[in-house]
Every structure is written in C-alpha cells, then in structure tokens.
Amino acid sequence: MKKIKILSIPVEVEYTKPILGRLLVFYTFLRLIRLKKCTLKNRGRLVGSFYYLIIPRFVKGSGVNENQ
C-alpha cells in the first residue's frame, strides 16, 4: 500500500502585471503546499495510516467577468 498519495488541487489565477503576478503565484504556491495525515480506524483500533501531499495546480483564468 502506498504511504503517500499526491493530490493536485486546481487554483485559478489571472494577473495583469506579469512580473509581480508571477512572484505572487510562486509565493502562493509555497504557501498552499500541505501534508495531511489520515488514519483509518475500525471500532477504535488503528487499521492503517497514510499521508496526502496536497499540491496546487495553477490554471489560467476563465475570462468570465463576474459583473455581467
């Protein structure tokens, strides 16, 4: 059984200033990486445990204007 499962979460980004936006995306990427421990229990007894490595996956903005 694998002990670590990698989970990729989509995060939508859209920036107007290219250099500042890329720095902000890099900072946000580092802040959103998480490692979560999950344990499986059956009637109070430990059955198994594993870890989720949560990594953001950046996608470009959809271009939909919310003010419409």
PDB file of N, CA and C in Angstrom:
ATOM      1  N   MET A   1       0.851  -1.179   0.000  1.00  0.00           N
ATOM      2  CA  MET A   1       0.000   0.000   0.000  1.00  0.00           C
ATOM      3  C   MET A   1       0.893   1.238   0.000  1.00  0.00           C
ATOM      4  N   LYS A   2       0.534   2.208  -0.842  1.00  0.00           N
ATOM      5  CA  LYS A   2       1.308   3.443  -0.892  1.00  0.00           C
ATOM      6  C   LYS A   2       1.077   4.247   0.380  1.00  0.00           C
ATOM      7  N   LYS A   3       2.133   4.796   0.910  1.00  0.00           N
ATOM      8  CA  LYS A   3       2.024   5.586   2.132  1.00  0.00           C
ATOM      9  C   LYS A   3       1.726   7.052   1.845  1.00  0.00           C
ATOM     10  N   ILE A   4       2.048   7.529   0.623  1.00  0.00           N
ATOM     11  CA  ILE A   4       1.816   8.933   0.281  1.00  0.00           C
ATOM     12  C   ILE A   4       0.984   9.002  -0.990  1.00  0.00           C
ATOM     13  N   LYS A   5      -0.106   9.742  -0.939  1.00  0.00           N
ATOM     14  CA  LYS A   5      -0.933   9.968  -2.112  1.00  0.00           C
ATOM     15  C   LYS A   5      -0.833  11.447  -2.467  1.00  0.00           C
ATOM     16  N   ILE A   6      -0.532  11.741  -3.733  1.00  0.00           N
ATOM     17  CA  ILE A   6      -0.383  13.126  -4.173  1.00  0.00           C
ATOM     18  C   ILE A   6      -1.714  13.605  -4.736  1.00  0.00           C
ATOM     19  N   LEU A   7      -2.194  14.710  -4.212  1.00  0.00           N
ATOM     20  CA  LEU A   7      -3.470  15.290  -4.604  1.00  0.00           C
ATOM     21  C   LEU A   7      -3.191  16.639  -5.252  1.00  0.00           C
ATOM     22  N   SER A   8      -3.686  16.853  -6.452  1.00  0.00           N
ATOM     23  CA  SER A   8      -3.471  18.108  -7.163  1.00  0.00           C
ATOM     24  C   SER A   8      -4.766  18.910  -7.170  1.00  0.00           C
ATOM     25  N   ILE A   9      -4.742  20.077  -6.552  1.00  0.00           N
ATOM     26  CA  ILE A   9      -5.924  20.929  -6.433  1.00  0.00           C
ATOM     27  C   ILE A   9      -5.809  22.066  -7.447  1.00  0.00           C
ATOM     28  N   PRO A  10      -6.804  22.243  -8.349  1.00  0.00           N
ATOM     29  CA  PRO A  10      -6.723  23.355  -9.303  1.00  0.00           C
ATOM     30  C   PRO A  10      -6.982  24.704  -8.630  1.00  0.00           C
ATOM     31  N   VAL A  11      -6.131  25.675  -8.926  1.00  0.00           N
ATOM     32  CA  VAL A  11      -6.265  27.038  -8.423  1.00  0.00           C
ATOM     33  C   VAL A  11      -6.266  27.957  -9.638  1.00  0.00           C
ATOM     34  N   GLU A  12      -7.317  28.765  -9.775  1.00  0.00           N
ATOM     35  CA  GLU A  12      -7.427  29.654 -10.929  1.00  0.00           C
ATOM     36  C   GLU A  12      -6.677  30.949 -10.667  1.00  0.00           C
ATOM     37  N   VAL A  13      -5.815  31.324 -11.595  1.00  0.00           N
ATOM     38  CA  VAL A  13      -5.059  32.569 -11.464  1.00  0.00           C
ATOM     39  C   VAL A  13      -5.215  33.397 -12.731  1.00  0.00           C
ATOM     40  N   GLU A  14      -5.211  34.694 -12.535  1.00  0.00           N
ATOM     41  CA  GLU A  14      -5.222  35.635 -13.645  1.00  0.00           C
ATOM     42  C   GLU A  14      -4.589  36.917 -13.131  1.00  0.00           C
ATOM     43  N   TYR A  15      -3.522  37.356 -13.770  1.00  0.00           N
ATOM     44  CA  TYR A  15      -2.835  38.552 -13.301  1.00  0.00           C
ATOM     45  C   TYR A  15      -2.601  39.488 -14.474  1.00  0.00           C
ATOM     46  N   THR A  16      -2.546  40.799 -14.139  1.00  0.00           N
ATOM     47  CA  THR A  16      -2.372  41.809 -15.178  1.00  0.00           C
ATOM     48  C   THR A  16      -0.928  42.294 -15.263  1.00  0.00           C
ATOM     49  N   LYS A  17      -0.202  42.254 -14.161  1.00  0.00           N
ATOM     50  CA  LYS A  17       1.211  42.650 -14.149  1.00  0.00           C
ATOM     51  C   LYS A  17       2.051  41.377 -14.159  1.00  0.00           C
ATOM     52  N   PRO A  18       2.716  41.068 -15.287  1.00  0.00           N
ATOM     53  CA  PRO A  18       3.380  39.769 -15.434  1.00  0.00           C
ATOM     54  C   PRO A  18       4.441  39.461 -14.384  1.00  0.00           C
ATOM     55  N   ILE A  19       5.334  40.378 -14.100  1.00  0.00           N
ATOM     56  CA  ILE A  19       6.441  40.077 -13.178  1.00  0.00           C
ATOM     57  C   ILE A  19       5.932  39.964 -11.744  1.00  0.00           C
ATOM     58  N   LEU A  20       5.156  40.924 -11.310  1.00  0.00           N
ATOM     59  CA  LEU A  20       4.613  40.896  -9.959  1.00  0.00           C
ATOM     60  C   LEU A  20       3.653  39.723  -9.783  1.00  0.00           C
ATOM     61  N   GLY A  21       2.890  39.419 -10.813  1.00  0.00           N
ATOM     62  CA  GLY A  21       1.954  38.302 -10.756  1.00  0.00           C
ATOM     63  C   GLY A  21       2.661  36.972 -10.620  1.00  0.00           C
ATOM     64  N   ARG A  22       3.747  36.781 -11.331  1.00  0.00           N
ATOM     65  CA  ARG A  22       4.491  35.518 -11.235  1.00  0.00           C
ATOM     66  C   ARG A  22       5.147  35.361  -9.863  1.00  0.00           C
ATOM     67  N   LEU A  23       5.618  36.454  -9.291  1.00  0.00           N
ATOM     68  CA  LEU A  23       6.177  36.386  -7.936  1.00  0.00           C
ATOM     69  C   LEU A  23       5.091  36.025  -6.927  1.00  0.00           C
ATOM     70  N   LEU A  24       3.916  36.601  -7.103  1.00  0.00           N
ATOM     71  CA  LEU A  24       2.796  36.303  -6.211  1.00  0.00           C
ATOM     72  C   LEU A  24       2.354  34.846  -6.366  1.00  0.00           C
ATOM     73  N   VAL A  25       2.351  34.336  -7.587  1.00  0.00           N
ATOM     74  CA  VAL A  25       1.988  32.936  -7.816  1.00  0.00           C
ATOM     75  C   VAL A  25       3.000  32.009  -7.153  1.00  0.00           C
ATOM     76  N   PHE A  26       4.275  32.305  -7.255  1.00  0.00           N
ATOM     77  CA  PHE A  26       5.310  31.491  -6.620  1.00  0.00           C
ATOM     78  C   PHE A  26       5.154  31.494  -5.099  1.00  0.00           C
ATOM     79  N   TYR A  27       4.913  32.669  -4.516  1.00  0.00           N
ATOM     80  CA  TYR A  27       4.703  32.781  -3.070  1.00  0.00           C
ATOM     81  C   TYR A  27       3.464  31.988  -2.645  1.00  0.00           C
ATOM     82  N   THR A  28       2.392  32.112  -3.407  1.00  0.00           N
ATOM     83  CA  THR A  28       1.155  31.402  -3.099  1.00  0.00           C
ATOM     84  C   THR A  28       1.344  29.897  -3.227  1.00  0.00           C
ATOM     85  N   PHE A  29       2.106  29.465  -4.238  1.00  0.00           N
ATOM     86  CA  PHE A  29       2.379  28.043  -4.421  1.00  0.00           C
ATOM     87  C   PHE A  29       3.052  27.460  -3.181  1.00  0.00           C
ATOM     88  N   LEU A  30       4.047  28.168  -2.659  1.00  0.00           N
ATOM     89  CA  LEU A  30       4.750  27.690  -1.470  1.00  0.00           C
ATOM     90  C   LEU A  30       3.843  27.668  -0.246  1.00  0.00           C
ATOM     91  N   ARG A  31       2.919  28.622  -0.167  1.00  0.00           N
ATOM     92  CA  ARG A  31       2.016  28.687   0.986  1.00  0.00           C
ATOM     93  C   ARG A  31       0.911  27.620   0.945  1.00  0.00           C
ATOM     94  N   LEU A  32       0.546  27.144  -0.243  1.00  0.00           N
ATOM     95  CA  LEU A  32      -0.568  26.209  -0.367  1.00  0.00           C
ATOM     96  C   LEU A  32      -0.160  24.735  -0.308  1.00  0.00           C
ATOM     97  N   ILE A  33       1.129  24.427  -0.324  1.00  0.00           N
ATOM     98  CA  ILE A  33       1.561  23.030  -0.226  1.00  0.00           C
ATOM     99  C   ILE A  33       1.301  22.534   1.195  1.00  0.00           C
ATOM    100  N   ARG A  34       0.617  21.405   1.300  1.00  0.00           N
ATOM    101  CA  ARG A  34       0.259  20.851   2.606  1.00  0.00           C
ATOM    102  C   ARG A  34       0.551  19.358   2.640  1.00  0.00           C
ATOM    103  N   LEU A  35       0.813  18.832   3.826  1.00  0.00           N
ATOM    104  CA  LEU A  35       0.968  17.416   4.066  1.00  0.00           C
ATOM    105  C   LEU A  35      -0.008  17.047   5.178  1.00  0.00           C
ATOM    106  N   LYS A  36      -1.001  16.217   4.856  1.00  0.00           N
ATOM    107  CA  LYS A  36      -2.033  15.830   5.828  1.00  0.00           C
ATOM    108  C   LYS A  36      -1.925  14.346   6.124  1.00  0.00           C
ATOM    109  N   LYS A  37      -2.048  13.990   7.380  1.00  0.00           N
ATOM    110  CA  LYS A  37      -2.022  12.595   7.787  1.00  0.00           C
ATOM    111  C   LYS A  37      -3.450  12.102   7.980  1.00  0.00           C
ATOM    112  N   CYS A  38      -3.776  10.970   7.383  1.00  0.00           N
ATOM    113  CA  CYS A  38      -5.095  10.360   7.523  1.00  0.00           C
ATOM    114  C   CYS A  38      -4.929   8.993   8.179  1.00  0.00           C
ATOM    115  N   THR A  39      -5.782   8.705   9.146  1.00  0.00           N
ATOM    116  CA  THR A  39      -5.734   7.411   9.815  1.00  0.00           C
ATOM    117  C   THR A  39      -7.067   6.702   9.602  1.00  0.00           C
ATOM    118  N   LEU A  40      -7.004   5.414   9.394  1.00  0.00           N
ATOM    119  CA  LEU A  40      -8.191   4.577   9.248  1.00  0.00           C
ATOM    120  C   LEU A  40      -8.377   3.782  10.534  1.00  0.00           C
ATOM    121  N   LYS A  41      -9.569   3.904  11.128  1.00  0.00           N
ATOM    122  CA  LYS A  41      -9.855   3.195  12.370  1.00  0.00           C
ATOM    123  C   LYS A  41     -11.122   2.377  12.207  1.00  0.00           C
ATOM    124  N   ASN A  42     -11.125   1.204  12.846  1.00  0.00           N
ATOM    125  CA  ASN A  42     -12.291   0.343  12.862  1.00  0.00           C
ATOM    126  C   ASN A  42     -12.564  -0.044  14.307  1.00  0.00           C
ATOM    127  N   ARG A  43     -13.665   0.457  14.841  1.00  0.00           N
ATOM    128  CA  ARG A  43     -14.048   0.206  16.241  1.00  0.00           C
ATOM    129  C   ARG A  43     -12.949   0.612  17.220  1.00  0.00           C
ATOM    130  N   GLY A  44     -12.332   1.742  16.933  1.00  0.00           N
ATOM    131  CA  GLY A  44     -11.321   2.275  17.831  1.00  0.00           C
ATOM    132  C   GLY A  44      -9.919   1.725  17.622  1.00  0.00           C
ATOM    133  N   ARG A  45      -9.777   0.706  16.780  1.00  0.00           N
ATOM    134  CA  ARG A  45      -8.449   0.132  16.522  1.00  0.00           C
ATOM    135  C   ARG A  45      -7.877   0.714  15.244  1.00  0.00           C
ATOM    136  N   LEU A  46      -6.601   0.995  15.264  1.00  0.00           N
ATOM    137  CA  LEU A  46      -5.923   1.561  14.105  1.00  0.00           C
ATOM    138  C   LEU A  46      -5.758   0.500  13.026  1.00  0.00           C
ATOM    139  N   VAL A  47      -6.319   0.772  11.848  1.00  0.00           N
ATOM    140  CA  VAL A  47      -6.221  -0.162  10.725  1.00  0.00           C
ATOM    141  C   VAL A  47      -5.034   0.207   9.840  1.00  0.00           C
ATOM    142  N   GLY A  48      -4.859   1.502   9.595  1.00  0.00           N
ATOM    143  CA  GLY A  48      -3.754   1.954   8.759  1.00  0.00           C
ATOM    144  C   GLY A  48      -3.704   3.466   8.736  1.00  0.00           C
ATOM    145  N   SER A  49      -2.612   3.976   8.213  1.00  0.00           N
ATOM    146  CA  SER A  49      -2.482   5.424   8.084  1.00  0.00           C
ATOM    147  C   SER A  49      -1.704   5.730   6.822  1.00  0.00           C
ATOM    148  N   PHE A  50      -1.983   6.882   6.249  1.00  0.00           N
ATOM    149  CA  PHE A  50      -1.274   7.327   5.066  1.00  0.00           C
ATOM    150  C   PHE A  50      -1.284   8.840   5.035  1.00  0.00           C
ATOM    151  N   TYR A  51      -0.505   9.405   4.136  1.00  0.00           N
ATOM    152  CA  TYR A  51      -0.366  10.845   4.038  1.00  0.00           C
ATOM    153  C   TYR A  51      -0.872  11.328   2.690  1.00  0.00           C
ATOM    154  N   TYR A  52      -1.474  12.519   2.683  1.00  0.00           N
ATOM    155  CA  TYR A  52      -1.837  13.230   1.457  1.00  0.00           C
ATOM    156  C   TYR A  52      -0.868  14.380   1.279  1.00  0.00           C
ATOM    157  N   LEU A  53      -0.216  14.460   0.134  1.00  0.00           N
ATOM    158  CA  LEU A  53       0.601  15.610  -0.219  1.00  0.00           C
ATOM    159  C   LEU A  53      -0.254  16.456  -1.155  1.00  0.00           C
ATOM    160  N   ILE A  54      -0.703  17.605  -0.681  1.00  0.00           N
ATOM    161  CA  ILE A  54      -1.607  18.466  -1.439  1.00  0.00           C
ATOM    162  C   ILE A  54      -0.785  19.550  -2.120  1.00  0.00           C
ATOM    163  N   ILE A  55      -0.833  19.566  -3.463  1.00  0.00           N
ATOM    164  CA  ILE A  55      -0.054  20.499  -4.266  1.00  0.00           C
ATOM    165  C   ILE A  55      -1.005  21.281  -5.158  1.00  0.00           C
ATOM    166  N   PRO A  56      -0.905  22.615  -5.175  1.00  0.00           N
ATOM    167  CA  PRO A  56      -1.775  23.392  -6.066  1.00  0.00           C
ATOM    168  C   PRO A  56      -1.349  23.258  -7.520  1.00  0.00           C
ATOM    169  N   ARG A  57      -2.327  23.255  -8.409  1.00  0.00           N
ATOM    170  CA  ARG A  57      -2.068  23.236  -9.850  1.00  0.00           C
ATOM    171  C   ARG A  57      -2.723  24.485 -10.418  1.00  0.00           C
ATOM    172  N   PHE A  58      -1.926  25.396 -10.941  1.00  0.00           N
ATOM    173  CA  PHE A  58      -2.438  26.671 -11.402  1.00  0.00           C
ATOM    174  C   PHE A  58      -3.001  26.542 -12.811  1.00  0.00           C
ATOM    175  N   VAL A  59      -4.189  27.091 -12.992  1.00  0.00           N
ATOM    176  CA  VAL A  59      -4.821  27.147 -14.307  1.00  0.00           C
ATOM    177  C   VAL A  59      -5.114  28.607 -14.606  1.00  0.00           C
ATOM    178  N   LYS A  60      -5.091  28.956 -15.882  1.00  0.00           N
ATOM    179  CA  LYS A  60      -5.373  30.346 -16.255  1.00  0.00           C
ATOM    180  C   LYS A  60      -6.826  30.670 -15.994  1.00  0.00           C
ATOM    181  N   GLY A  61      -7.091  31.967 -15.779  1.00  0.00           N
ATOM    182  CA  GLY A  61      -8.452  32.421 -15.540  1.00  0.00           C
ATOM    183  C   GLY A  61      -9.349  32.121 -16.716  1.00  0.00           C
ATOM    184  N   SER A  62     -10.621  31.902 -16.417  1.00  0.00           N
ATOM    185  CA  SER A  62     -11.562  31.532 -17.470  1.00  0.00           C
ATOM    186  C   SER A  62     -11.969  32.730 -18.312  1.00  0.00           C
ATOM    187  N   GLY A  63     -11.705  33.931 -17.831  1.00  0.00           N
ATOM    188  CA  GLY A  63     -12.044  35.122 -18.583  1.00  0.00           C
ATOM    189  C   GLY A  63     -13.478  35.561 -18.411  1.00  0.00           C
ATOM    190  N   VAL A  64     -14.228  34.901 -17.564  1.00  0.00           N
ATOM    191  CA  VAL A  64     -15.616  35.263 -17.315  1.00  0.00           C
ATOM    192  C   VAL A  64     -15.644  36.440 -16.359  1.00  0.00           C
ATOM    193  N   ASN A  65     -16.334  37.486 -16.747  1.00  0.00           N
ATOM    194  CA  ASN A  65     -16.445  38.674 -15.922  1.00  0.00           C
ATOM    195  C   ASN A  65     -17.599  38.490 -14.954  1.00  0.00           C
ATOM    196  N   GLU A  66     -17.356  38.693 -13.644  1.00  0.00           N
ATOM    197  CA  GLU A  66     -18.388  38.484 -12.630  1.00  0.00           C
ATOM    198  C   GLU A  66     -19.423  39.609 -12.614  1.00  0.00           C
ATOM    199  N   ASN A  67     -19.126  40.733 -13.232  1.00  0.00           N
ATOM    200  CA  ASN A  67     -20.036  41.876 -13.202  1.00  0.00           C
ATOM    201  C   ASN A  67     -21.151  41.785 -14.255  1.00  0.00           C
ATOM    202  N   GLN A  68     -21.201  40.753 -15.038  1.00  0.00           N
ATOM    203  CA  GLN A  68     -22.202  40.642 -16.100  1.00  0.00           C
ATOM    204  C   GLN A  68     -23.563  40.353 -15.551  1.00  0.00           C
TER     205      GLN A  68
END
